[in-house]
Full PDB file with SEQRES, HELIX, SHEET, SSBOND, CRYST1, ORIGX, SCALE, CONECT and MASTER records, all heavy atoms in Angstrom:
SEQRES   1 A   32  LEU LEU GLU ALA ARG ASN ALA ALA ILE ARG GLU ALA ALA          
SEQRES   2 A   32  ALA ASN PHE PHE PRO ALA LEU LYS PRO LYS GLN LYS ALA          
SEQRES   3 A   32  ASP ALA LEU ALA ILE LEU                                      
HELIX    1 AA1 LEU A    2  PHE A   16  1                                  15    
HELIX    2 AA2 PRO A   22  ILE A   31  1                                  10    
CRYST1    1.000    1.000    1.000  90.00  90.00  90.00 P 1           1          
ORIGX1      1.000000  0.000000  0.000000        0.00000                         
ORIGX2      0.000000  1.000000  0.000000        0.00000                         
ORIGX3      0.000000  0.000000  1.000000        0.00000                         
SCALE1      1.000000  0.000000  0.000000        0.00000                         
SCALE2      0.000000  1.000000  0.000000        0.00000                         
SCALE3      0.000000  0.000000  1.000000        0.00000                         
ATOM      1  N   LEU A   1     -17.292   0.821   1.016  1.00  0.00           N  
ATOM      2  CA  LEU A   1     -16.220   1.516   1.736  1.00  0.00           C  
ATOM      3  C   LEU A   1     -14.938   0.684   1.789  1.00  0.00           C  
ATOM      4  O   LEU A   1     -13.835   1.209   1.625  1.00  0.00           O  
ATOM      5  CB  LEU A   1     -16.663   1.873   3.150  1.00  0.00           C  
ATOM      6  CG  LEU A   1     -17.659   3.017   3.260  1.00  0.00           C  
ATOM      7  CD1 LEU A   1     -18.191   3.135   4.688  1.00  0.00           C  
ATOM      8  CD2 LEU A   1     -17.020   4.328   2.825  1.00  0.00           C  
ATOM      9  N   LEU A   2     -15.086  -0.615   1.994  1.00  0.00           N  
ATOM     10  CA  LEU A   2     -13.911  -1.485   2.040  1.00  0.00           C  
ATOM     11  C   LEU A   2     -13.230  -1.555   0.675  1.00  0.00           C  
ATOM     12  O   LEU A   2     -11.999  -1.544   0.590  1.00  0.00           O  
ATOM     13  CB  LEU A   2     -14.293  -2.887   2.525  1.00  0.00           C  
ATOM     14  CG  LEU A   2     -14.688  -2.981   3.994  1.00  0.00           C  
ATOM     15  CD1 LEU A   2     -15.167  -4.382   4.331  1.00  0.00           C  
ATOM     16  CD2 LEU A   2     -13.544  -2.567   4.897  1.00  0.00           C  
ATOM     17  N   GLU A   3     -14.014  -1.622  -0.385  1.00  0.00           N  
ATOM     18  CA  GLU A   3     -13.431  -1.621  -1.727  1.00  0.00           C  
ATOM     19  C   GLU A   3     -12.675  -0.325  -1.981  1.00  0.00           C  
ATOM     20  O   GLU A   3     -11.583  -0.340  -2.555  1.00  0.00           O  
ATOM     21  CB  GLU A   3     -14.515  -1.830  -2.788  1.00  0.00           C  
ATOM     22  CG  GLU A   3     -15.037  -3.245  -2.844  1.00  0.00           C  
ATOM     23  CD  GLU A   3     -16.202  -3.418  -3.817  1.00  0.00           C  
ATOM     24  OE1 GLU A   3     -16.754  -2.404  -4.312  1.00  0.00           O  
ATOM     25  OE2 GLU A   3     -16.547  -4.569  -4.074  1.00  0.00           O  
ATOM     26  N   ALA A   4     -13.259   0.807  -1.567  1.00  0.00           N  
ATOM     27  CA  ALA A   4     -12.594   2.099  -1.747  1.00  0.00           C  
ATOM     28  C   ALA A   4     -11.312   2.168  -0.922  1.00  0.00           C  
ATOM     29  O   ALA A   4     -10.277   2.661  -1.396  1.00  0.00           O  
ATOM     30  CB  ALA A   4     -13.534   3.234  -1.371  1.00  0.00           C  
ATOM     31  N   ARG A   5     -11.366   1.679   0.317  1.00  0.00           N  
ATOM     32  CA  ARG A   5     -10.168   1.666   1.170  1.00  0.00           C  
ATOM     33  C   ARG A   5      -9.087   0.795   0.549  1.00  0.00           C  
ATOM     34  O   ARG A   5      -7.923   1.192   0.464  1.00  0.00           O  
ATOM     35  CB  ARG A   5     -10.516   1.132   2.560  1.00  0.00           C  
ATOM     36  CG  ARG A   5      -9.280   1.048   3.467  1.00  0.00           C  
ATOM     37  CD  ARG A   5      -9.400   0.027   4.560  1.00  0.00           C  
ATOM     38  NE  ARG A   5      -9.512  -1.326   4.042  1.00  0.00           N  
ATOM     39  CZ  ARG A   5      -9.855  -2.372   4.788  1.00  0.00           C  
ATOM     40  NH1 ARG A   5     -10.142  -2.214   6.064  1.00  0.00           N  
ATOM     41  NH2 ARG A   5      -9.933  -3.573   4.270  1.00  0.00           N  
ATOM     42  N   ASN A   6      -9.462  -0.389   0.088  1.00  0.00           N  
ATOM     43  CA  ASN A   6      -8.483  -1.309  -0.486  1.00  0.00           C  
ATOM     44  C   ASN A   6      -7.852  -0.734  -1.758  1.00  0.00           C  
ATOM     45  O   ASN A   6      -6.648  -0.876  -1.976  1.00  0.00           O  
ATOM     46  CB  ASN A   6      -9.119  -2.660  -0.759  1.00  0.00           C  
ATOM     47  CG  ASN A   6      -9.505  -3.373   0.521  1.00  0.00           C  
ATOM     48  OD1 ASN A   6      -9.200  -2.908   1.616  1.00  0.00           O  
ATOM     49  ND2 ASN A   6     -10.188  -4.485   0.398  1.00  0.00           N  
ATOM     50  N   ALA A   7      -8.663  -0.066  -2.565  1.00  0.00           N  
ATOM     51  CA  ALA A   7      -8.126   0.572  -3.777  1.00  0.00           C  
ATOM     52  C   ALA A   7      -7.139   1.672  -3.392  1.00  0.00           C  
ATOM     53  O   ALA A   7      -6.081   1.823  -4.032  1.00  0.00           O  
ATOM     54  CB  ALA A   7      -9.262   1.132  -4.624  1.00  0.00           C  
ATOM     55  N   ALA A   8      -7.465   2.435  -2.349  1.00  0.00           N  
ATOM     56  CA  ALA A   8      -6.571   3.505  -1.891  1.00  0.00           C  
ATOM     57  C   ALA A   8      -5.265   2.917  -1.341  1.00  0.00           C  
ATOM     58  O   ALA A   8      -4.190   3.487  -1.558  1.00  0.00           O  
ATOM     59  CB  ALA A   8      -7.267   4.364  -0.830  1.00  0.00           C  
ATOM     60  N   ILE A   9      -5.343   1.792  -0.673  1.00  0.00           N  
ATOM     61  CA  ILE A   9      -4.139   1.124  -0.155  1.00  0.00           C  
ATOM     62  C   ILE A   9      -3.267   0.659  -1.315  1.00  0.00           C  
ATOM     63  O   ILE A   9      -2.050   0.872  -1.315  1.00  0.00           O  
ATOM     64  CB  ILE A   9      -4.526  -0.051   0.778  1.00  0.00           C  
ATOM     65  CG1 ILE A   9      -5.033   0.497   2.103  1.00  0.00           C  
ATOM     66  CG2 ILE A   9      -3.350  -1.010   0.982  1.00  0.00           C  
ATOM     67  CD1 ILE A   9      -5.631  -0.547   3.024  1.00  0.00           C  
ATOM     68  N   ARG A  10      -3.880   0.023  -2.312  1.00  0.00           N  
ATOM     69  CA  ARG A  10      -3.113  -0.448  -3.469  1.00  0.00           C  
ATOM     70  C   ARG A  10      -2.446   0.712  -4.204  1.00  0.00           C  
ATOM     71  O   ARG A  10      -1.289   0.623  -4.617  1.00  0.00           O  
ATOM     72  CB  ARG A  10      -4.025  -1.221  -4.419  1.00  0.00           C  
ATOM     73  CG  ARG A  10      -4.427  -2.568  -3.900  1.00  0.00           C  
ATOM     74  CD  ARG A  10      -5.226  -3.355  -4.949  1.00  0.00           C  
ATOM     75  NE  ARG A  10      -5.885  -4.461  -4.299  1.00  0.00           N  
ATOM     76  CZ  ARG A  10      -7.169  -4.473  -3.933  1.00  0.00           C  
ATOM     77  NH1 ARG A  10      -7.943  -3.445  -4.209  1.00  0.00           N  
ATOM     78  NH2 ARG A  10      -7.675  -5.518  -3.322  1.00  0.00           N  
ATOM     79  N   GLU A  11      -3.195   1.799  -4.359  1.00  0.00           N  
ATOM     80  CA  GLU A  11      -2.655   2.963  -5.057  1.00  0.00           C  
ATOM     81  C   GLU A  11      -1.500   3.588  -4.278  1.00  0.00           C  
ATOM     82  O   GLU A  11      -0.465   3.931  -4.850  1.00  0.00           O  
ATOM     83  CB  GLU A  11      -3.756   3.994  -5.291  1.00  0.00           C  
ATOM     84  CG  GLU A  11      -3.308   5.163  -6.133  1.00  0.00           C  
ATOM     85  CD  GLU A  11      -4.441   6.116  -6.446  1.00  0.00           C  
ATOM     86  OE1 GLU A  11      -5.616   5.727  -6.367  1.00  0.00           O  
ATOM     87  OE2 GLU A  11      -4.124   7.280  -6.767  1.00  0.00           O  
ATOM     88  N   ALA A  12      -1.657   3.716  -2.967  1.00  0.00           N  
ATOM     89  CA  ALA A  12      -0.587   4.291  -2.140  1.00  0.00           C  
ATOM     90  C   ALA A  12       0.660   3.415  -2.192  1.00  0.00           C  
ATOM     91  O   ALA A  12       1.778   3.919  -2.332  1.00  0.00           O  
ATOM     92  CB  ALA A  12      -1.061   4.454  -0.695  1.00  0.00           C  
ATOM     93  N   ALA A  13       0.473   2.121  -2.097  1.00  0.00           N  
ATOM     94  CA  ALA A  13       1.622   1.205  -2.139  1.00  0.00           C  
ATOM     95  C   ALA A  13       2.332   1.296  -3.478  1.00  0.00           C  
ATOM     96  O   ALA A  13       3.574   1.328  -3.536  1.00  0.00           O  
ATOM     97  CB  ALA A  13       1.152  -0.223  -1.878  1.00  0.00           C  
ATOM     98  N   ALA A  14       1.574   1.366  -4.567  1.00  0.00           N  
ATOM     99  CA  ALA A  14       2.177   1.456  -5.898  1.00  0.00           C  
ATOM    100  C   ALA A  14       2.880   2.792  -6.113  1.00  0.00           C  
ATOM    101  O   ALA A  14       3.965   2.842  -6.703  1.00  0.00           O  
ATOM    102  CB  ALA A  14       1.102   1.239  -6.963  1.00  0.00           C  
ATOM    103  N   ASN A  15       2.272   3.875  -5.628  1.00  0.00           N  
ATOM    104  CA  ASN A  15       2.837   5.207  -5.860  1.00  0.00           C  
ATOM    105  C   ASN A  15       4.033   5.540  -4.971  1.00  0.00           C  
ATOM    106  O   ASN A  15       4.970   6.193  -5.422  1.00  0.00           O  
ATOM    107  CB  ASN A  15       1.768   6.283  -5.654  1.00  0.00           C  
ATOM    108  CG  ASN A  15       0.729   6.261  -6.746  1.00  0.00           C  
ATOM    109  OD1 ASN A  15       0.927   5.695  -7.813  1.00  0.00           O  
ATOM    110  ND2 ASN A  15      -0.410   6.872  -6.479  1.00  0.00           N  
ATOM    111  N   PHE A  16       3.975   5.124  -3.713  1.00  0.00           N  
ATOM    112  CA  PHE A  16       5.007   5.547  -2.771  1.00  0.00           C  
ATOM    113  C   PHE A  16       6.077   4.490  -2.496  1.00  0.00           C  
ATOM    114  O   PHE A  16       7.134   4.826  -1.970  1.00  0.00           O  
ATOM    115  CB  PHE A  16       4.367   6.008  -1.456  1.00  0.00           C  
ATOM    116  CG  PHE A  16       3.511   7.231  -1.645  1.00  0.00           C  
ATOM    117  CD1 PHE A  16       2.138   7.116  -1.703  1.00  0.00           C  
ATOM    118  CD2 PHE A  16       4.087   8.480  -1.810  1.00  0.00           C  
ATOM    119  CE1 PHE A  16       1.340   8.245  -1.899  1.00  0.00           C  
ATOM    120  CE2 PHE A  16       3.310   9.610  -2.012  1.00  0.00           C  
ATOM    121  CZ  PHE A  16       1.929   9.492  -2.053  1.00  0.00           C  
ATOM    122  N   PHE A  17       5.799   3.244  -2.847  1.00  0.00           N  
ATOM    123  CA  PHE A  17       6.773   2.174  -2.615  1.00  0.00           C  
ATOM    124  C   PHE A  17       6.887   1.267  -3.846  1.00  0.00           C  
ATOM    125  O   PHE A  17       6.772   0.041  -3.733  1.00  0.00           O  
ATOM    126  CB  PHE A  17       6.364   1.338  -1.394  1.00  0.00           C  
ATOM    127  CG  PHE A  17       6.012   2.155  -0.189  1.00  0.00           C  
ATOM    128  CD1 PHE A  17       4.696   2.270   0.229  1.00  0.00           C  
ATOM    129  CD2 PHE A  17       6.990   2.835   0.520  1.00  0.00           C  
ATOM    130  CE1 PHE A  17       4.353   3.027   1.337  1.00  0.00           C  
ATOM    131  CE2 PHE A  17       6.659   3.602   1.620  1.00  0.00           C  
ATOM    132  CZ  PHE A  17       5.343   3.699   2.036  1.00  0.00           C  
ATOM    133  N   PRO A  18       7.112   1.828  -5.015  1.00  0.00           N  
ATOM    134  CA  PRO A  18       7.071   1.026  -6.249  1.00  0.00           C  
ATOM    135  C   PRO A  18       8.140  -0.068  -6.324  1.00  0.00           C  
ATOM    136  O   PRO A  18       7.914  -1.110  -6.934  1.00  0.00           O  
ATOM    137  CB  PRO A  18       7.254   2.054  -7.359  1.00  0.00           C  
ATOM    138  CG  PRO A  18       7.955   3.196  -6.722  1.00  0.00           C  
ATOM    139  CD  PRO A  18       7.467   3.218  -5.292  1.00  0.00           C  
ATOM    140  N   ALA A  19       9.286   0.141  -5.702  1.00  0.00           N  
ATOM    141  CA  ALA A  19      10.388  -0.812  -5.830  1.00  0.00           C  
ATOM    142  C   ALA A  19      10.347  -1.932  -4.780  1.00  0.00           C  
ATOM    143  O   ALA A  19      11.118  -2.877  -4.871  1.00  0.00           O  
ATOM    144  CB  ALA A  19      11.718  -0.077  -5.740  1.00  0.00           C  
ATOM    145  N   LEU A  20       9.447  -1.812  -3.813  1.00  0.00           N  
ATOM    146  CA  LEU A  20       9.418  -2.796  -2.729  1.00  0.00           C  
ATOM    147  C   LEU A  20       8.536  -3.991  -3.072  1.00  0.00           C  
ATOM    148  O   LEU A  20       7.625  -3.900  -3.890  1.00  0.00           O  
ATOM    149  CB  LEU A  20       8.903  -2.142  -1.443  1.00  0.00           C  
ATOM    150  CG  LEU A  20       9.709  -0.970  -0.894  1.00  0.00           C  
ATOM    151  CD1 LEU A  20       9.074  -0.451   0.383  1.00  0.00           C  
ATOM    152  CD2 LEU A  20      11.157  -1.358  -0.656  1.00  0.00           C  
ATOM    153  N   LYS A  21       8.809  -5.091  -2.402  1.00  0.00           N  
ATOM    154  CA  LYS A  21       7.972  -6.289  -2.531  1.00  0.00           C  
ATOM    155  C   LYS A  21       6.704  -6.082  -1.702  1.00  0.00           C  
ATOM    156  O   LYS A  21       6.690  -5.239  -0.792  1.00  0.00           O  
ATOM    157  CB  LYS A  21       8.744  -7.513  -2.046  1.00  0.00           C  
ATOM    158  CG  LYS A  21       9.931  -7.830  -2.919  1.00  0.00           C  
ATOM    159  CD  LYS A  21      10.671  -9.037  -2.426  1.00  0.00           C  
ATOM    160  CE  LYS A  21      11.835  -9.295  -3.364  1.00  0.00           C  
ATOM    161  NZ  LYS A  21      12.616 -10.441  -2.989  1.00  0.00           N  
ATOM    162  N   PRO A  22       5.628  -6.852  -1.978  1.00  0.00           N  
ATOM    163  CA  PRO A  22       4.361  -6.649  -1.259  1.00  0.00           C  
ATOM    164  C   PRO A  22       4.500  -6.653   0.268  1.00  0.00           C  
ATOM    165  O   PRO A  22       3.909  -5.819   0.948  1.00  0.00           O  
ATOM    166  CB  PRO A  22       3.483  -7.799  -1.748  1.00  0.00           C  
ATOM    167  CG  PRO A  22       3.984  -8.072  -3.125  1.00  0.00           C  
ATOM    168  CD  PRO A  22       5.470  -7.848  -3.054  1.00  0.00           C  
ATOM    169  N   LYS A  23       5.281  -7.565   0.825  1.00  0.00           N  
ATOM    170  CA  LYS A  23       5.431  -7.599   2.282  1.00  0.00           C  
ATOM    171  C   LYS A  23       6.105  -6.331   2.786  1.00  0.00           C  
ATOM    172  O   LYS A  23       5.702  -5.763   3.802  1.00  0.00           O  
ATOM    173  CB  LYS A  23       6.226  -8.829   2.726  1.00  0.00           C  
ATOM    174  CG  LYS A  23       6.328  -8.921   4.253  1.00  0.00           C  
ATOM    175  CD  LYS A  23       7.113 -10.108   4.704  1.00  0.00           C  
ATOM    176  CE  LYS A  23       7.196 -10.259   6.203  1.00  0.00           C  
ATOM    177  NZ  LYS A  23       7.138  -9.099   7.040  1.00  0.00           N  
ATOM    178  N   GLN A  24       7.108  -5.858   2.073  1.00  0.00           N  
ATOM    179  CA  GLN A  24       7.804  -4.634   2.465  1.00  0.00           C  
ATOM    180  C   GLN A  24       6.880  -3.418   2.337  1.00  0.00           C  
ATOM    181  O   GLN A  24       6.888  -2.537   3.201  1.00  0.00           O  
ATOM    182  CB  GLN A  24       9.045  -4.438   1.604  1.00  0.00           C  
ATOM    183  CG  GLN A  24      10.105  -5.502   1.814  1.00  0.00           C  
ATOM    184  CD  GLN A  24      11.188  -5.438   0.749  1.00  0.00           C  
ATOM    185  OE1 GLN A  24      10.905  -5.221  -0.427  1.00  0.00           O  
ATOM    186  NE2 GLN A  24      12.436  -5.643   1.175  1.00  0.00           N  
ATOM    187  N   LYS A  25       6.084  -3.386   1.271  1.00  0.00           N  
ATOM    188  CA  LYS A  25       5.113  -2.303   1.093  1.00  0.00           C  
ATOM    189  C   LYS A  25       4.128  -2.296   2.252  1.00  0.00           C  
ATOM    190  O   LYS A  25       3.808  -1.254   2.809  1.00  0.00           O  
ATOM    191  CB  LYS A  25       4.347  -2.472  -0.218  1.00  0.00           C  
ATOM    192  CG  LYS A  25       5.151  -2.226  -1.453  1.00  0.00           C  
ATOM    193  CD  LYS A  25       4.293  -2.457  -2.703  1.00  0.00           C  
ATOM    194  CE  LYS A  25       5.121  -2.285  -3.957  1.00  0.00           C  
ATOM    195  NZ  LYS A  25       4.309  -2.378  -5.175  1.00  0.00           N  
ATOM    196  N   ALA A  26       3.637  -3.494   2.594  1.00  0.00           N  
ATOM    197  CA  ALA A  26       2.653  -3.622   3.672  1.00  0.00           C  
ATOM    198  C   ALA A  26       3.242  -3.177   5.006  1.00  0.00           C  
ATOM    199  O   ALA A  26       2.590  -2.462   5.769  1.00  0.00           O  
ATOM    200  CB  ALA A  26       2.156  -5.063   3.761  1.00  0.00           C  
ATOM    201  N   ASP A  27       4.461  -3.592   5.285  1.00  0.00           N  
ATOM    202  CA  ASP A  27       5.114  -3.195   6.536  1.00  0.00           C  
ATOM    203  C   ASP A  27       5.264  -1.676   6.618  1.00  0.00           C  
ATOM    204  O   ASP A  27       4.935  -1.060   7.635  1.00  0.00           O  
ATOM    205  CB  ASP A  27       6.492  -3.855   6.657  1.00  0.00           C  
ATOM    206  CG  ASP A  27       6.424  -5.355   6.890  1.00  0.00           C  
ATOM    207  OD1 ASP A  27       5.337  -5.858   7.277  1.00  0.00           O  
ATOM    208  OD2 ASP A  27       7.445  -6.039   6.661  1.00  0.00           O  
ATOM    209  N   ALA A  28       5.748  -1.074   5.531  1.00  0.00           N  
ATOM    210  CA  ALA A  28       5.963   0.375   5.519  1.00  0.00           C  
ATOM    211  C   ALA A  28       4.641   1.124   5.657  1.00  0.00           C  
ATOM    212  O   ALA A  28       4.529   2.073   6.446  1.00  0.00           O  
ATOM    213  CB  ALA A  28       6.677   0.777   4.226  1.00  0.00           C  
ATOM    214  N   LEU A  29       3.645   0.689   4.914  1.00  0.00           N  
ATOM    215  CA  LEU A  29       2.352   1.369   4.951  1.00  0.00           C  
ATOM    216  C   LEU A  29       1.678   1.215   6.317  1.00  0.00           C  
ATOM    217  O   LEU A  29       1.078   2.164   6.828  1.00  0.00           O  
ATOM    218  CB  LEU A  29       1.450   0.830   3.837  1.00  0.00           C  
ATOM    219  CG  LEU A  29       0.290   1.690   3.401  1.00  0.00           C  
ATOM    220  CD1 LEU A  29       0.692   3.123   3.119  1.00  0.00           C  
ATOM    221  CD2 LEU A  29      -0.377   1.082   2.179  1.00  0.00           C  
ATOM    222  N   ALA A  30       1.795   0.046   6.931  1.00  0.00           N  
ATOM    223  CA  ALA A  30       1.201  -0.170   8.258  1.00  0.00           C  
ATOM    224  C   ALA A  30       1.828   0.760   9.292  1.00  0.00           C  
ATOM    225  O   ALA A  30       1.123   1.344  10.121  1.00  0.00           O  
ATOM    226  CB  ALA A  30       1.368  -1.625   8.681  1.00  0.00           C  
ATOM    227  N   ILE A  31       3.142   0.906   9.237  1.00  0.00           N  
ATOM    228  CA  ILE A  31       3.832   1.798  10.176  1.00  0.00           C  
ATOM    229  C   ILE A  31       3.362   3.234   9.980  1.00  0.00           C  
ATOM    230  O   ILE A  31       3.037   3.940  10.941  1.00  0.00           O  
ATOM    231  CB  ILE A  31       5.368   1.686  10.009  1.00  0.00           C  
ATOM    232  CG1 ILE A  31       5.848   0.331  10.528  1.00  0.00           C  
ATOM    233  CG2 ILE A  31       6.082   2.829  10.724  1.00  0.00           C  
ATOM    234  CD1 ILE A  31       7.281  -0.010  10.139  1.00  0.00           C  
ATOM    235  N   LEU A  32       3.307   3.664   8.724  1.00  0.00           N  
ATOM    236  CA  LEU A  32       2.908   5.037   8.433  1.00  0.00           C  
ATOM    237  C   LEU A  32       1.443   5.291   8.808  1.00  0.00           C  
ATOM    238  O   LEU A  32       1.112   6.356   9.343  1.00  0.00           O  
ATOM    239  CB  LEU A  32       3.144   5.349   6.959  1.00  0.00           C  
ATOM    240  CG  LEU A  32       4.621   5.410   6.558  1.00  0.00           C  
ATOM    241  CD1 LEU A  32       4.760   5.445   5.044  1.00  0.00           C  
ATOM    242  CD2 LEU A  32       5.301   6.600   7.201  1.00  0.00           C  
TER     243      LEU A  32                                                      
MASTER        0    0    0    2    0    0    0    6  242    1    0    3          
END                                                                             
């Protein structure tokens, strides 16, 4: 389950925040 969650997080960050740096992606995704 954790592997699936982590893959979904990576995919969401890549798809919805492609131009951001990892910290910015993480901040945006955490808020959402």
